[in-house]
Protein backbone atom coordinates (compact mmCIF):
# COMPACT_ATOMS: atom_id res chain seq x y z
CA UNK A 1 118.17 77.86 58.40
CA UNK A 2 114.60 77.35 57.22
CA UNK A 3 113.90 76.19 53.71
CA UNK A 4 111.94 78.81 51.76
CA UNK A 5 109.14 76.28 51.32
CA UNK A 6 108.64 76.25 55.10
CA UNK A 7 108.28 80.00 55.56
CA UNK A 8 105.17 81.44 57.19
CA UNK A 9 102.72 83.57 55.18
CA UNK A 10 103.84 86.85 56.78
CA UNK A 11 107.43 86.21 55.68
CA UNK A 12 106.45 85.09 52.19
CA UNK A 13 104.32 88.20 51.74
CA UNK A 14 106.73 90.75 53.20
CA UNK A 15 109.63 89.46 51.11
CA UNK A 16 107.56 89.03 47.92
CA UNK A 17 108.42 85.33 47.94
CA UNK A 18 112.12 86.22 47.82
CA UNK A 19 112.00 88.41 44.71
CA UNK A 20 114.32 91.40 44.31
CA UNK A 21 115.52 93.54 41.42
CA UNK A 22 118.51 91.47 40.36
CA UNK A 23 119.65 94.08 37.83
CA UNK A 24 120.00 96.92 40.32
CA UNK A 25 120.07 95.07 43.62
CA UNK A 26 116.95 96.90 44.72
CA UNK A 27 114.73 95.26 47.33
CA UNK A 28 111.60 96.18 45.33
CA UNK A 29 110.84 93.88 42.39
CA UNK A 30 110.66 95.87 39.12
CA UNK A 31 107.75 96.32 36.73
CA UNK A 32 108.28 94.59 33.38
CA UNK A 33 106.14 96.52 30.89
CA UNK A 34 107.21 95.10 27.53
CA UNK A 35 104.45 93.59 25.40
CA UNK A 36 106.80 91.73 23.08
CA UNK A 37 110.25 90.17 23.30
CA UNK A 38 113.19 89.88 20.91
CA UNK A 39 114.64 86.81 19.26
CA UNK A 40 118.24 86.02 18.43
CA UNK A 41 119.73 85.67 14.95
CA UNK A 42 118.41 82.10 14.81
CA UNK A 43 114.90 83.44 15.52
CA UNK A 44 114.84 81.87 18.96
CA UNK A 45 113.54 83.85 21.96
CA UNK A 46 116.32 85.28 24.09
CA UNK A 47 114.19 84.23 27.06
CA UNK A 48 112.20 81.05 26.24
CA UNK A 49 109.57 82.05 28.81
CA UNK A 50 108.77 85.31 27.06
CA UNK A 51 107.39 85.69 23.54
CA UNK A 52 104.37 87.97 23.76
CA UNK A 53 102.55 89.62 26.63
CA UNK A 54 99.54 87.63 27.71
CA UNK A 55 100.79 84.77 29.83
CA UNK A 56 104.34 86.02 29.33
CA UNK A 57 105.07 88.66 31.94
CA UNK A 58 107.55 88.41 34.78
CA UNK A 59 105.65 90.82 37.03
CA UNK A 60 102.40 88.89 36.71
CA UNK A 61 104.25 85.62 37.29
CA UNK A 62 105.71 87.03 40.49
CA UNK A 63 102.31 88.07 41.81
CA UNK A 64 100.94 84.64 40.91
CA UNK A 65 103.85 82.93 42.64
CA UNK A 66 103.30 84.90 45.85
CA UNK A 67 99.59 84.12 45.80
CA UNK A 68 100.19 80.42 45.11
CA UNK A 69 102.53 80.21 48.09
CA UNK A 70 100.03 81.97 50.35
CA UNK A 71 97.32 79.54 49.22
CA UNK A 72 99.55 76.45 49.43
CA UNK A 73 98.57 75.95 45.80
CA UNK A 74 100.43 74.34 42.94
CA UNK A 75 99.68 77.28 40.68
CA UNK A 76 97.77 80.57 40.57
CA UNK A 77 96.47 82.66 37.69
CA UNK A 78 95.61 86.36 37.66
CA UNK A 79 92.73 87.90 35.72
CA UNK A 80 91.69 91.49 34.98
CA UNK A 81 88.79 91.28 37.47
CA UNK A 82 87.16 88.95 39.95
CA UNK A 83 84.30 88.37 37.53
CA UNK A 84 86.77 87.43 34.81
CA UNK A 85 88.09 84.74 37.15
CA UNK A 86 84.55 83.49 37.85
CA UNK A 87 83.80 83.48 34.12
CA UNK A 88 86.95 81.49 33.37
CA UNK A 89 85.80 78.75 35.74
CA UNK A 90 82.30 78.49 34.33
CA UNK A 91 83.48 78.58 30.71
CA UNK A 92 85.20 75.28 31.46
CA UNK A 93 81.78 73.59 31.91
CA UNK A 94 80.64 71.88 28.73
CA UNK A 95 77.39 72.86 27.02
CA UNK A 96 74.58 70.79 28.47
CA UNK A 97 76.42 70.22 31.75
CA UNK A 98 75.20 71.14 35.22
CA UNK A 99 76.42 73.22 38.14
CA UNK A 100 75.45 73.65 41.78
CA UNK A 101 75.82 77.21 43.05
CA UNK A 102 75.36 78.52 46.56
CA UNK A 103 72.48 80.92 47.20
CA UNK A 104 72.91 84.25 48.97
CA UNK A 105 76.31 85.02 47.49
CA UNK A 106 77.66 88.04 45.63
CA UNK A 107 74.84 89.25 43.41
CA UNK A 108 77.09 90.19 40.47
CA UNK A 109 78.37 86.63 40.19
CA UNK A 110 74.90 85.11 40.50
CA UNK A 111 73.49 87.46 37.87
CA UNK A 112 76.20 86.56 35.37
CA UNK A 113 76.09 82.83 36.16
CA UNK A 114 72.33 82.72 35.56
CA UNK A 115 72.68 84.43 32.21
CA UNK A 116 75.69 82.38 31.10
CA UNK A 117 74.26 79.00 32.06
CA UNK A 118 71.01 79.87 30.28
CA UNK A 119 72.83 80.78 27.07
CA UNK A 120 74.98 77.65 27.22
CA UNK A 121 72.14 75.26 28.13
CA UNK A 122 73.92 74.44 31.37
CA UNK A 123 71.57 73.31 34.14
CA UNK A 124 71.89 75.59 37.14
CA UNK A 125 70.84 74.47 40.62
CA UNK A 126 70.94 77.13 43.31
CA UNK A 127 71.21 75.59 46.76
CA UNK A 128 71.63 76.84 50.32
CA UNK A 129 74.98 75.15 50.79
CA UNK A 130 75.00 75.82 54.53
CA UNK A 131 72.33 73.10 54.61
CA UNK A 132 74.50 69.99 54.32
CA UNK A 133 71.56 67.72 53.54
CA UNK A 134 70.39 69.99 50.72
CA UNK A 135 73.91 70.22 49.30
CA UNK A 136 74.42 66.47 49.44
CA UNK A 137 71.07 65.81 47.78
CA UNK A 138 71.78 68.33 45.02
CA UNK A 139 75.11 66.69 44.22
CA UNK A 140 73.66 63.17 44.29
CA UNK A 141 70.61 64.09 42.22
CA UNK A 142 72.09 66.41 39.61
CA UNK A 143 75.62 65.01 39.15
CA UNK A 144 77.12 68.47 38.61
CA UNK A 145 80.33 69.22 36.79
CA UNK A 146 81.04 72.06 39.20
CA UNK A 147 80.07 73.11 42.72
CA UNK A 148 80.60 76.80 43.47
CA UNK A 149 80.44 78.16 47.02
CA UNK A 150 81.40 81.37 48.79
CA UNK A 151 82.48 81.39 52.43
CA UNK A 152 82.09 83.70 54.24
CA UNK A 153 79.39 84.86 51.86
CA UNK A 154 78.77 88.43 50.77
CA UNK A 155 76.75 90.13 52.25
CA UNK A 156 74.98 87.59 54.50
CA UNK A 157 78.19 86.14 55.99
CA UNK A 158 77.05 82.54 55.69
CA UNK A 159 79.61 79.84 56.42
CA UNK A 160 79.79 76.68 54.32
CA UNK A 161 81.57 73.51 55.42
CA UNK A 162 84.33 73.35 52.79
CA UNK A 163 85.42 69.79 53.54
CA UNK A 164 81.85 68.49 53.38
CA UNK A 165 81.23 70.40 50.15
CA UNK A 166 84.42 68.93 48.68
CA UNK A 167 83.36 65.39 49.63
CA UNK A 168 79.92 65.91 48.07
CA UNK A 169 81.36 67.40 44.90
CA UNK A 170 84.00 64.71 44.47
CA UNK A 171 81.53 61.89 45.09
CA UNK A 172 79.48 63.29 42.22
CA UNK A 173 82.53 63.64 39.97
CA UNK A 174 82.53 67.44 40.27
CA UNK A 175 85.14 70.03 41.13
CA UNK A 176 84.67 72.30 44.12
CA UNK A 177 85.43 75.98 43.59
CA UNK A 178 85.47 78.27 46.64
CA UNK A 179 85.16 82.04 46.49
CA UNK A 180 87.26 83.00 49.51
CA UNK A 181 87.42 86.73 48.82
CA UNK A 182 86.14 87.73 52.26
CA UNK A 183 88.49 85.33 54.06
CA UNK A 184 91.68 86.07 52.07
CA UNK A 185 94.53 83.51 51.88
CA UNK A 186 95.67 84.71 55.30
CA UNK A 187 92.59 83.52 57.20
CA UNK A 188 91.56 80.49 55.16
CA UNK A 189 93.11 78.05 52.69
CA UNK A 190 90.22 76.15 51.10
CA UNK A 191 92.58 73.88 49.17
CA UNK A 192 93.67 72.42 52.50
CA UNK A 193 90.06 71.37 53.11
CA UNK A 194 89.70 69.59 49.79
CA UNK A 195 88.68 72.37 47.40
CA UNK A 196 90.01 72.05 43.87
CA UNK A 197 90.15 75.75 42.98
CA UNK A 198 89.99 78.85 45.16
CA UNK A 199 88.84 82.15 43.68
CA UNK A 200 89.42 85.72 44.84
CA UNK A 201 88.38 89.14 43.76
CA UNK A 202 91.90 90.45 44.19
CA UNK A 203 90.42 93.94 43.91
CA UNK A 204 89.54 93.54 47.56
CA UNK A 205 91.93 92.75 50.44
CA UNK A 206 94.65 91.13 48.34
CA UNK A 207 95.28 94.52 46.77
CA UNK A 208 93.94 96.37 49.79
CA UNK A 209 94.23 99.94 48.55
CA UNK A 210 91.12 100.33 46.36
CA UNK A 211 93.18 101.10 43.27
CA UNK A 212 93.41 97.82 41.34
CA UNK A 213 90.79 95.73 39.55
CA UNK A 214 91.90 92.09 39.50
CA UNK A 215 90.84 88.49 40.03
CA UNK A 216 92.67 85.29 40.89
CA UNK A 217 92.34 81.53 40.78
CA UNK A 218 94.59 79.04 42.54
CA UNK A 219 94.55 75.27 42.18
CA UNK A 220 95.57 72.17 44.08
CA UNK A 221 96.32 70.35 40.81
CA UNK A 222 97.79 72.30 37.92
CA UNK A 223 97.74 69.20 35.69
CA UNK A 224 93.97 68.71 35.93
CA UNK A 225 92.32 69.00 32.52
CA UNK A 226 89.92 71.70 33.74
CA UNK A 227 92.79 73.84 35.01
CA UNK A 228 94.65 73.32 31.76
CA UNK A 229 91.52 74.43 29.88
CA UNK A 230 91.22 77.53 32.07
CA UNK A 231 94.89 78.37 31.51
CA UNK A 232 94.62 77.97 27.75
CA UNK A 233 91.38 79.94 27.55
CA UNK A 234 92.82 82.80 29.58
CA UNK A 235 95.72 83.16 27.17
CA UNK A 236 93.75 82.68 23.97
CA UNK A 237 90.92 85.00 25.02
CA UNK A 238 93.35 87.59 26.38
CA UNK A 239 91.79 87.67 29.86
CA UNK A 240 95.09 88.75 31.40
CA UNK A 241 96.13 91.38 33.89
CA UNK A 242 98.42 94.26 32.97
CA UNK A 243 101.97 94.47 34.36
CA UNK A 244 101.33 97.65 36.37
CA UNK A 245 98.25 96.15 38.05
CA UNK A 246 100.23 92.99 38.79
CA UNK A 247 103.00 95.09 40.36
CA UNK A 248 100.44 96.89 42.53
CA UNK A 249 99.16 93.50 43.68
CA UNK A 250 102.70 92.49 44.63
CA UNK A 251 102.98 95.70 46.62
CA UNK A 252 99.61 95.06 48.26
CA UNK A 253 100.34 91.47 49.19
CA UNK A 254 103.53 92.49 51.01
CA UNK A 255 101.36 94.00 53.77
CA UNK A 256 98.39 91.64 53.41
CA UNK A 257 98.93 89.71 56.69
CA UNK A 258 99.25 92.89 58.73
CA UNK A 259 96.23 94.53 57.13
CA UNK A 260 94.05 91.45 57.53
CA UNK A 261 95.05 91.08 61.16
CA UNK A 262 94.17 94.71 61.95
CA UNK A 263 90.94 94.67 59.93
CA UNK A 264 89.80 91.44 61.60
CA UNK A 265 90.51 92.83 65.06
CA UNK A 266 88.64 96.03 64.25
CA UNK A 267 85.69 94.16 62.73
CA UNK A 268 85.40 91.93 65.79
CA UNK A 269 85.32 94.92 68.16
CA UNK A 270 82.85 96.81 65.98
CA UNK A 271 80.60 93.74 65.73
CA UNK A 272 80.66 93.34 69.52
CA UNK A 273 79.69 97.00 69.93
CA UNK A 274 76.88 96.84 67.38
CA UNK A 275 75.44 93.63 68.80
CA UNK A 276 74.69 95.33 72.09
CA UNK A 277 73.28 98.57 70.69
CA UNK A 278 69.61 99.35 71.21
CA UNK A 279 69.22 100.66 67.64
CA UNK A 280 70.48 97.40 66.13
CA UNK A 281 68.27 94.42 65.29
CA UNK A 282 71.09 92.01 64.53
CA UNK A 283 74.71 91.63 63.44
CA UNK A 284 75.97 89.15 60.86
CA UNK A 285 79.60 88.35 61.63
CA UNK A 286 81.13 84.86 61.99
CA UNK A 287 83.35 86.04 64.83
CA UNK A 288 80.32 86.39 67.11
CA UNK A 289 79.50 83.28 69.18
CA UNK A 290 75.84 83.95 68.38
CA UNK A 291 76.47 83.52 64.65
CA UNK A 292 75.10 80.15 63.44
CA UNK A 293 78.33 79.43 61.59
CA UNK A 294 80.72 80.57 64.32
CA UNK A 295 82.00 77.13 65.35
CA UNK A 296 82.55 76.06 61.76
CA UNK A 297 84.20 79.35 60.87
CA UNK A 298 86.58 78.95 63.81
CA UNK A 299 87.59 75.55 62.42
CA UNK A 300 88.12 76.82 58.86
CA UNK A 301 89.59 80.25 59.57
CA UNK A 302 92.70 81.04 61.59
CA UNK A 303 93.77 84.40 62.95
CA UNK A 304 90.41 86.14 62.74
CA UNK A 305 87.14 86.30 60.87
CA UNK A 306 87.78 88.99 58.29
CA UNK A 307 86.82 92.58 57.63
CA UNK A 308 83.29 92.06 56.33
CA UNK A 309 80.16 92.29 58.46
CA UNK A 310 76.53 93.26 58.00
CA UNK A 311 74.28 95.01 60.49
CA UNK A 312 70.48 95.07 60.58
CA UNK A 313 69.24 98.45 61.77
CA UNK A 314 65.97 98.49 63.69
CA UNK A 315 63.33 99.81 61.33
CA UNK A 316 63.28 99.93 57.54
CA UNK A 317 65.28 101.31 54.64
CA UNK A 318 64.67 104.88 55.76
CA UNK A 319 66.20 104.15 59.16
CA UNK A 320 69.19 102.35 57.62
CA UNK A 321 69.85 105.18 55.18
CA UNK A 322 69.57 107.72 57.99
CA UNK A 323 72.44 105.95 59.75
CA UNK A 324 74.66 105.92 56.68
CA UNK A 325 73.95 109.59 56.05
CA UNK A 326 75.22 110.59 59.49
CA UNK A 327 78.53 108.73 59.30
CA UNK A 328 81.72 110.77 58.96
CA UNK A 329 84.51 108.16 58.81
CA UNK A 330 82.83 105.29 56.95
CA UNK A 331 82.82 106.07 53.24
CA UNK A 332 79.51 105.35 51.51
CA UNK A 333 80.92 103.23 48.69
CA UNK A 334 80.84 99.77 47.12
CA UNK A 335 83.62 97.19 47.62
CA UNK A 336 85.47 95.78 50.60
CA UNK A 337 88.91 94.88 51.88
CA UNK A 338 90.58 98.27 51.54
CA UNK A 339 92.47 100.12 54.25
CA UNK A 340 89.57 102.55 54.59
CA UNK A 341 86.23 101.58 56.14
CA UNK A 342 83.24 101.46 53.78
CA UNK A 343 79.50 101.13 54.30
CA UNK A 344 76.73 100.38 51.84
CA UNK A 345 72.97 99.99 51.87
CA UNK A 346 72.84 96.80 49.83
CA UNK A 347 69.11 96.92 49.05
CA UNK A 348 69.75 100.11 47.09
CA UNK A 349 72.31 98.27 44.95
CA UNK A 350 70.47 94.96 44.57
CA UNK A 351 66.76 95.65 45.23
CA UNK A 352 65.45 92.47 43.60
CA UNK A 353 67.50 89.88 45.51
CA UNK A 354 65.43 89.65 48.67
CA UNK A 355 67.95 91.26 50.97
CA UNK A 356 66.52 92.94 54.08
CA UNK A 357 65.93 96.64 53.45
CA UNK A 358 67.47 97.48 56.82
CA UNK A 359 70.77 95.73 56.07
CA UNK A 360 74.00 97.71 55.92
CA UNK A 361 77.18 96.01 54.71
CA UNK A 362 80.37 97.22 56.34
CA UNK A 363 83.96 96.70 55.29
CA UNK A 364 86.14 97.54 58.26
CA UNK A 365 89.49 99.16 57.57
CA UNK A 366 92.68 99.69 59.53
CA UNK A 367 91.72 102.93 61.29
CA UNK A 368 91.71 103.24 65.07
CA UNK A 369 88.72 101.12 66.03
CA UNK A 370 87.65 103.50 68.79
CA UNK A 371 87.25 106.25 66.21
CA UNK A 372 85.12 103.91 64.12
CA UNK A 373 82.98 102.93 67.11
CA UNK A 374 82.49 106.57 68.11
CA UNK A 375 81.42 107.46 64.58
CA UNK A 376 78.96 104.56 64.48
CA UNK A 377 77.61 105.42 67.92
CA UNK A 378 76.73 108.99 66.95
CA UNK A 379 75.15 107.82 63.69
CA UNK A 380 72.92 105.33 65.51
CA UNK A 381 71.56 107.98 67.87
CA UNK A 382 68.11 109.20 66.85
């Protein structure tokens, strides 16, 4: 019989890393909602692991344990949002330090990072990290404390060489943090390529049902002083997730491998269809052989290329918005990674970031892909 440490991700996820309701025998792990815990007559906690709800919650620990196993990490931490997880990482950088951050990534993170580093007198160097020479030079020149990349990136779907980035960061004495939200732990494990910390907006595919706001960090070395600082800061600042949200993440992760597989298959077929359409200028999806990062993505991702893609409609913003307005199955909404397909005109959301006005970002769900293709086909017709 296999040791539990040797189980495949699909088994770990489906069985919630072996957790059950030991009190009732139920196969569904329970929600533990208590915010405080009793002590015995000697004033000692009945359960030494539980004193007060912040870091002390069995449901959150279970979700973290499942995620850590899926990431092949030593430890994982949950946060109340993806941005809270990003903030926890950057708060570990000392005042006067320096960071290298990838360009063309999620605008909300970049916006906050710029503001935070300015307030903390942290030198910020924004670099196209798909350019290995530029990344190497930035690390050698600026000696950063932290290198932060996102692959695949949102919404431009750029692919960064994680192993090369890790080598550059480590040579400069920095930690490499990888935002792998679009890849999920099912398609990519950045820690295996040398990353020190992997970050997720767990709001997205990890939850998968568009009903939880959450973030996550996982580490290759739980004893590292930076990780210890992040752990302490999370508890002391109260940047913790609630038990009900943690339980919903456990529920979501139990179907994560299946959902990611279906979404990746659907996204690949939709990207292939869009690439050949006369109303389309271009498609950004790493699963396409024409994508500049396809070969690298195939080396770093297994089982598919994710649910996220962007399409450039021939014309301008008016033409792109006309397409979105005609769609019946794709919901016009922000976010990604849910079971339902979403579409968004990103220039409307982030008009000052230089994104093409004809770009539409698509999160492909688990619907029948032929229905999605038919809906897109009718919307593209003039």
